[in-house]
């Protein structure tokens, strides 16, 4: 039985969601656990990201915005202006509860210390104006280094100590929550998955043939195996990077669904007819067994590739 205020964790973003309710938020926690023990900064009084009172929650995903191309002429800034217009249009129409920018916010070759901060300000401007909370993942260009850089003498690694056991103590077993995973570059097994899809079963643009540069390195297999086997109720893994793809498919080996984003930015490569837009994912219940629905929304409002991510999808 699902509790009225059961929190939902979106995997890899470490962002938690709880249904709005007139009753205190503490009621979603187990007896003896207070919100202050879960929220590391309760004094800030930040509003909690929440399901609507009707039990729904919409996530809009932008991907591959590629701001900052050709900053030395008129062409590049025009693409950024078009991308900002798309973001404003989508946010106004869709009114999402949460936004994910799934990598490649900027184009690395044309981004420098003199303009990087300005570009990020431009990207988050529409989100701040819409007052919608958001998270981002890094893409290829957001961590790009110059080939002339010297070999580093020291690398700093940072890990998120989320105290999984403590979260389960506070919220109950992970099986009581749904999950989504976001990463910019598709995992390596998605390369072979493309050969199994069909327009009838996997609607959506399929114009980018996946090659060695389209997916992660095969050495990332341990990450893929852990991700697909250790997260209960993983509704989908969502990636961008390959601008000509927008389909969802189920990986038979792991029984996990993978979805491409939609190329959102006017920067970056593309072809006539591909269009620009976003992927919407809508949860209609806090019950993790109730599948979310997802589709591609184009800039002018057209939607396509509508699927329900239930246990039958992609089989």
Protein backbone atom coordinates (compact mmCIF):
# COMPACT_ATOMS: atom_id res chain seq x y z
CA UNK A 1 0.00 0.00 0.00
CA UNK A 2 1.39 3.42 -0.99
CA UNK A 3 1.51 6.06 1.73
CA UNK A 4 -0.04 9.45 0.78
CA UNK A 5 3.21 11.35 1.18
CA UNK A 6 5.64 8.71 0.00
CA UNK A 7 8.81 10.36 -1.30
CA UNK A 8 10.07 9.48 -4.75
CA UNK A 9 13.79 9.52 -5.49
CA UNK A 10 15.09 10.29 -8.97
CA UNK A 11 18.21 8.19 -9.24
CA UNK A 12 21.54 9.83 -10.07
CA UNK A 13 20.19 13.31 -9.41
CA UNK A 14 19.87 12.77 -5.66
CA UNK A 15 16.73 14.89 -5.80
CA UNK A 16 13.72 13.82 -3.77
CA UNK A 17 10.07 14.45 -4.45
CA UNK A 18 7.10 14.25 -2.12
CA UNK A 19 3.43 14.75 -2.79
CA UNK A 20 2.05 18.04 -1.52
CA UNK A 21 -0.28 17.69 1.41
CA UNK A 22 -1.91 19.74 4.12
CA UNK A 23 -0.40 17.39 6.69
CA UNK A 24 3.17 17.95 7.92
CA UNK A 25 5.97 16.74 5.67
CA UNK A 26 7.34 14.67 8.56
CA UNK A 27 4.41 12.28 8.05
CA UNK A 28 6.22 10.87 4.99
CA UNK A 29 9.05 9.69 7.23
CA UNK A 30 9.19 6.74 9.54
CA UNK A 31 8.47 7.23 13.26
CA UNK A 32 11.37 8.83 15.11
CA UNK A 33 12.92 10.40 11.98
CA UNK A 34 12.55 14.15 11.52
CA UNK A 35 12.94 16.19 8.35
CA UNK A 36 15.98 17.92 9.88
CA UNK A 37 17.80 14.59 9.91
CA UNK A 38 17.22 14.12 6.17
CA UNK A 39 17.47 17.72 4.94
CA UNK A 40 21.07 18.92 5.51
CA UNK A 41 20.08 22.61 5.32
CA UNK A 42 16.62 22.96 6.90
CA UNK A 43 17.29 26.54 7.99
CA UNK A 44 17.29 27.70 4.36
CA UNK A 45 13.58 26.98 4.16
CA UNK A 46 13.72 25.98 0.50
CA UNK A 47 10.43 24.76 -0.96
CA UNK A 48 10.33 21.04 -1.57
CA UNK A 49 9.86 19.79 -5.11
CA UNK A 50 6.54 17.98 -4.96
CA UNK A 51 3.93 16.02 -6.81
CA UNK A 52 0.78 18.01 -7.51
CA UNK A 53 -2.25 17.42 -5.31
CA UNK A 54 -3.73 15.31 -8.14
CA UNK A 55 -0.77 12.92 -7.88
CA UNK A 56 0.97 13.95 -11.12
CA UNK A 57 4.51 15.11 -11.76
CA UNK A 58 5.91 16.34 -15.09
CA UNK A 59 9.59 16.38 -16.03
CA UNK A 60 10.71 18.23 -19.17
CA UNK A 61 14.13 17.30 -20.50
CA UNK A 62 16.25 19.64 -22.61
CA UNK A 63 19.36 18.19 -24.19
CA UNK A 64 22.27 19.29 -26.38
CA UNK A 65 21.62 23.02 -26.25
CA UNK A 66 25.15 23.70 -27.54
CA UNK A 67 25.32 27.38 -26.64
CA UNK A 68 28.38 29.37 -27.63
CA UNK A 69 29.08 28.22 -31.17
CA UNK A 70 30.92 30.73 -33.40
CA UNK A 71 30.91 33.61 -30.89
CA UNK A 72 33.03 35.68 -33.29
CA UNK A 73 30.26 36.20 -35.89
CA UNK A 74 26.48 36.62 -36.12
CA UNK A 75 25.63 32.98 -36.79
CA UNK A 76 26.44 31.59 -33.35
CA UNK A 77 24.55 34.14 -31.25
CA UNK A 78 21.53 33.72 -33.55
CA UNK A 79 21.45 30.00 -32.75
CA UNK A 80 21.56 30.77 -29.03
CA UNK A 81 18.74 33.29 -29.43
CA UNK A 82 16.66 30.64 -31.20
CA UNK A 83 17.40 28.16 -28.43
CA UNK A 84 16.32 30.65 -25.76
CA UNK A 85 13.10 31.24 -27.70
CA UNK A 86 12.48 27.47 -27.79
CA UNK A 87 13.08 27.17 -24.06
CA UNK A 88 10.72 30.04 -23.26
CA UNK A 89 8.02 28.57 -25.53
CA UNK A 90 8.28 25.07 -24.10
CA UNK A 91 8.38 26.20 -20.47
CA UNK A 92 5.36 28.45 -20.97
CA UNK A 93 3.34 25.72 -22.68
CA UNK A 94 4.38 22.65 -20.71
CA UNK A 95 4.65 24.16 -17.23
CA UNK A 96 6.84 21.33 -15.95
CA UNK A 97 7.30 20.58 -12.28
CA UNK A 98 10.98 19.90 -12.86
CA UNK A 99 13.50 20.35 -15.68
CA UNK A 100 16.55 18.29 -16.54
CA UNK A 101 19.22 19.65 -18.90
CA UNK A 102 20.84 16.40 -19.95
CA UNK A 103 24.30 17.45 -21.07
CA UNK A 104 26.14 19.50 -23.69
CA UNK A 105 24.89 22.84 -22.45
CA UNK A 106 27.74 24.53 -24.32
CA UNK A 107 30.03 23.71 -27.24
CA UNK A 108 33.54 23.29 -25.88
CA UNK A 109 35.61 24.24 -28.90
CA UNK A 110 34.06 27.71 -29.00
CA UNK A 111 33.76 28.34 -25.28
CA UNK A 112 36.43 30.15 -23.30
CA UNK A 113 36.89 31.57 -19.82
CA UNK A 114 35.79 34.95 -21.18
CA UNK A 115 32.31 33.77 -22.23
CA UNK A 116 31.51 30.52 -20.37
CA UNK A 117 29.80 32.12 -17.37
CA UNK A 118 27.76 34.42 -19.61
CA UNK A 119 26.56 31.45 -21.65
CA UNK A 120 25.48 29.52 -18.56
CA UNK A 121 23.60 32.60 -17.36
CA UNK A 122 21.78 32.70 -20.70
CA UNK A 123 20.87 29.01 -20.46
CA UNK A 124 19.44 29.17 -16.94
CA UNK A 125 17.70 32.50 -17.57
CA UNK A 126 14.48 30.95 -18.95
CA UNK A 127 14.42 28.44 -16.08
CA UNK A 128 14.84 31.14 -13.46
CA UNK A 129 12.21 33.31 -15.13
CA UNK A 130 9.79 30.38 -15.13
CA UNK A 131 10.69 29.67 -11.47
CA UNK A 132 11.10 25.97 -12.23
CA UNK A 133 13.66 23.86 -10.34
CA UNK A 134 16.20 22.04 -12.46
CA UNK A 135 19.25 19.80 -12.52
CA UNK A 136 21.91 19.25 -15.16
CA UNK A 137 24.26 16.52 -16.23
CA UNK A 138 27.63 17.11 -17.86
CA UNK A 139 28.17 16.33 -21.52
CA UNK A 140 31.18 15.88 -23.76
CA UNK A 141 31.95 19.57 -24.05
CA UNK A 142 31.22 20.59 -20.48
CA UNK A 143 34.33 18.75 -19.32
CA UNK A 144 36.50 19.15 -22.41
CA UNK A 145 40.23 19.80 -22.01
CA UNK A 146 42.67 21.27 -24.47
CA UNK A 147 44.85 18.68 -26.22
CA UNK A 148 47.85 20.86 -25.41
CA UNK A 149 47.21 20.65 -21.65
CA UNK A 150 50.01 19.05 -19.67
CA UNK A 151 49.40 15.66 -18.07
CA UNK A 152 47.85 16.38 -14.65
CA UNK A 153 49.87 15.62 -11.56
CA UNK A 154 46.76 15.33 -9.38
CA UNK A 155 43.12 14.41 -9.99
CA UNK A 156 40.48 15.17 -7.36
CA UNK A 157 37.51 12.79 -7.12
CA UNK A 158 34.29 13.80 -5.37
CA UNK A 159 31.64 11.29 -4.29
CA UNK A 160 28.17 11.92 -2.91
CA UNK A 161 27.82 10.31 0.52
CA UNK A 162 24.06 9.99 0.53
CA UNK A 163 23.96 7.38 3.28
CA UNK A 164 21.69 5.00 1.42
CA UNK A 165 21.00 2.99 4.55
CA UNK A 166 19.91 6.15 6.37
CA UNK A 167 17.60 7.10 3.50
CA UNK A 168 15.99 3.69 3.62
CA UNK A 169 15.64 3.99 7.38
CA UNK A 170 13.85 7.31 6.90
CA UNK A 171 11.79 6.53 3.81
CA UNK A 172 11.43 2.76 3.81
CA UNK A 173 12.74 0.20 1.30
CA UNK A 174 13.85 1.44 -2.11
CA UNK A 175 11.21 -0.80 -3.71
CA UNK A 176 8.60 1.72 -2.54
CA UNK A 177 10.00 4.42 -4.83
CA UNK A 178 10.26 4.93 -8.56
CA UNK A 179 13.49 5.98 -10.27
CA UNK A 180 14.85 7.58 -13.42
CA UNK A 181 18.51 7.78 -14.45
CA UNK A 182 20.01 10.57 -16.58
CA UNK A 183 23.36 10.59 -18.38
CA UNK A 184 24.41 12.46 -21.48
CA UNK A 185 26.16 9.77 -23.53
CA UNK A 186 24.23 6.49 -23.96
CA UNK A 187 25.74 3.41 -22.34
CA UNK A 188 27.65 1.12 -24.70
CA UNK A 189 24.97 -1.64 -24.92
CA UNK A 190 22.60 0.85 -26.59
CA UNK A 191 24.71 0.55 -29.74
CA UNK A 192 23.50 -3.03 -30.24
CA UNK A 193 20.01 -2.20 -29.03
CA UNK A 194 19.46 0.08 -32.02
CA UNK A 195 19.52 -2.90 -34.37
CA UNK A 196 16.48 -4.41 -32.61
CA UNK A 197 14.06 -1.48 -32.85
CA UNK A 198 11.21 -0.94 -35.29
CA UNK A 199 9.08 2.15 -36.07
CA UNK A 200 5.95 0.37 -34.88
CA UNK A 201 7.32 -0.78 -31.53
CA UNK A 202 9.74 2.11 -30.98
CA UNK A 203 8.28 5.27 -32.50
CA UNK A 204 10.38 8.37 -32.93
CA UNK A 205 13.21 9.61 -35.12
CA UNK A 206 15.97 7.04 -35.72
CA UNK A 207 18.35 8.93 -37.99
CA UNK A 208 21.68 8.61 -36.15
CA UNK A 209 23.44 5.27 -36.62
CA UNK A 210 25.29 4.58 -33.40
CA UNK A 211 29.04 4.09 -33.72
CA UNK A 212 32.05 4.17 -31.44
CA UNK A 213 31.69 7.89 -30.74
CA UNK A 214 27.95 7.67 -30.18
CA UNK A 215 28.00 5.64 -26.96
CA UNK A 216 30.19 5.16 -23.92
CA UNK A 217 33.34 3.05 -23.92
CA UNK A 218 32.87 -0.73 -23.45
CA UNK A 219 34.96 -0.42 -20.28
CA UNK A 220 31.95 1.26 -18.69
CA UNK A 221 30.16 -2.10 -18.56
CA UNK A 222 30.48 -2.42 -14.74
CA UNK A 223 28.66 0.89 -14.39
CA UNK A 224 25.90 -0.30 -16.72
CA UNK A 225 25.56 -3.60 -14.88
CA UNK A 226 25.33 -1.89 -11.51
CA UNK A 227 22.86 0.72 -12.73
CA UNK A 228 20.51 -1.82 -14.30
CA UNK A 229 20.65 -4.37 -11.48
CA UNK A 230 20.80 -2.34 -8.26
CA UNK A 231 18.07 0.31 -8.68
CA UNK A 232 14.54 -0.97 -8.06
CA UNK A 233 11.68 0.36 -10.17
CA UNK A 234 14.00 2.01 -12.69
CA UNK A 235 11.46 3.30 -15.21
CA UNK A 236 14.05 4.41 -17.77
CA UNK A 237 17.61 5.49 -18.46
CA UNK A 238 17.59 8.74 -20.47
CA UNK A 239 20.42 10.06 -22.66
CA UNK A 240 21.10 12.64 -25.34
CA UNK A 241 24.29 13.14 -27.41
CA UNK A 242 22.98 11.60 -30.66
CA UNK A 243 20.90 14.43 -32.10
CA UNK A 244 19.07 12.36 -34.71
CA UNK A 245 17.52 9.82 -32.33
CA UNK A 246 14.45 10.11 -30.11
CA UNK A 247 13.22 6.54 -29.54
CA UNK A 248 12.76 4.37 -26.47
CA UNK A 249 13.56 0.66 -26.37
CA UNK A 250 13.87 -2.16 -23.85
CA UNK A 251 17.20 -3.89 -23.44
CA UNK A 252 16.36 -7.59 -23.37
CA UNK A 253 19.45 -8.58 -21.39
CA UNK A 254 18.69 -6.31 -18.44
CA UNK A 255 14.94 -5.75 -18.93
CA UNK A 256 15.52 -1.98 -18.60
CA UNK A 257 14.09 0.70 -20.89
CA UNK A 258 16.39 3.26 -22.50
CA UNK A 259 15.12 6.54 -24.02
CA UNK A 260 16.81 9.19 -26.12
CA UNK A 261 16.18 12.85 -25.44
CA UNK A 262 15.24 15.27 -28.20
CA UNK A 263 17.88 17.65 -29.56
CA UNK A 264 16.80 20.96 -28.03
CA UNK A 265 19.37 23.55 -29.08
CA UNK A 266 19.87 25.17 -32.45
CA UNK A 267 23.59 24.74 -31.90
CA UNK A 268 25.25 21.44 -32.68
CA UNK A 269 24.87 19.23 -35.71
CA UNK A 270 21.53 18.38 -37.28
CA UNK A 271 19.67 17.87 -40.53
CA UNK A 272 16.61 19.39 -42.14
CA UNK A 273 13.48 17.73 -40.86
CA UNK A 274 14.86 16.60 -37.53
CA UNK A 275 13.41 19.58 -35.69
CA UNK A 276 14.08 20.76 -32.15
CA UNK A 277 12.22 20.03 -28.95
CA UNK A 278 12.20 18.19 -25.63
CA UNK A 279 11.20 14.91 -24.04
CA UNK A 280 8.38 15.06 -21.51
CA UNK A 281 7.91 12.39 -18.84
CA UNK A 282 4.72 12.47 -16.79
CA UNK A 283 4.09 10.47 -13.65
CA UNK A 284 0.40 10.03 -12.84
CA UNK A 285 0.75 8.42 -9.43
CA UNK A 286 3.19 8.10 -6.56
CA UNK A 287 2.79 4.33 -6.82
CA UNK A 288 6.03 3.10 -8.45
CA UNK A 289 4.06 0.35 -10.15
CA UNK A 290 2.04 2.92 -12.12
CA UNK A 291 4.06 3.54 -15.29
CA UNK A 292 4.92 7.06 -16.45
CA UNK A 293 4.10 8.26 -19.94
CA UNK A 294 6.62 9.93 -22.21
CA UNK A 295 6.70 11.64 -25.58
CA UNK A 296 8.61 14.07 -27.77
CA UNK A 297 7.32 17.64 -27.92
CA UNK A 298 8.59 19.80 -30.79
CA UNK A 299 9.08 23.56 -30.63
CA UNK A 300 5.82 24.44 -32.41
CA UNK A 301 3.78 22.18 -30.12
CA UNK A 302 3.54 18.98 -32.16
CA UNK A 303 3.96 15.79 -30.13
CA UNK A 304 5.03 12.34 -31.31
CA UNK A 305 6.53 9.04 -30.17
CA UNK A 306 4.09 8.75 -27.27
CA UNK A 307 4.68 5.60 -25.20
CA UNK A 308 3.79 4.29 -21.76
CA UNK A 309 6.77 2.85 -19.90
CA UNK A 310 4.94 -0.15 -18.48
CA UNK A 311 6.12 -3.73 -18.11
CA UNK A 312 4.86 -4.60 -21.60
CA UNK A 313 6.60 -1.78 -23.42
CA UNK A 314 9.29 -2.79 -25.90
CA UNK A 315 8.76 -6.55 -25.66
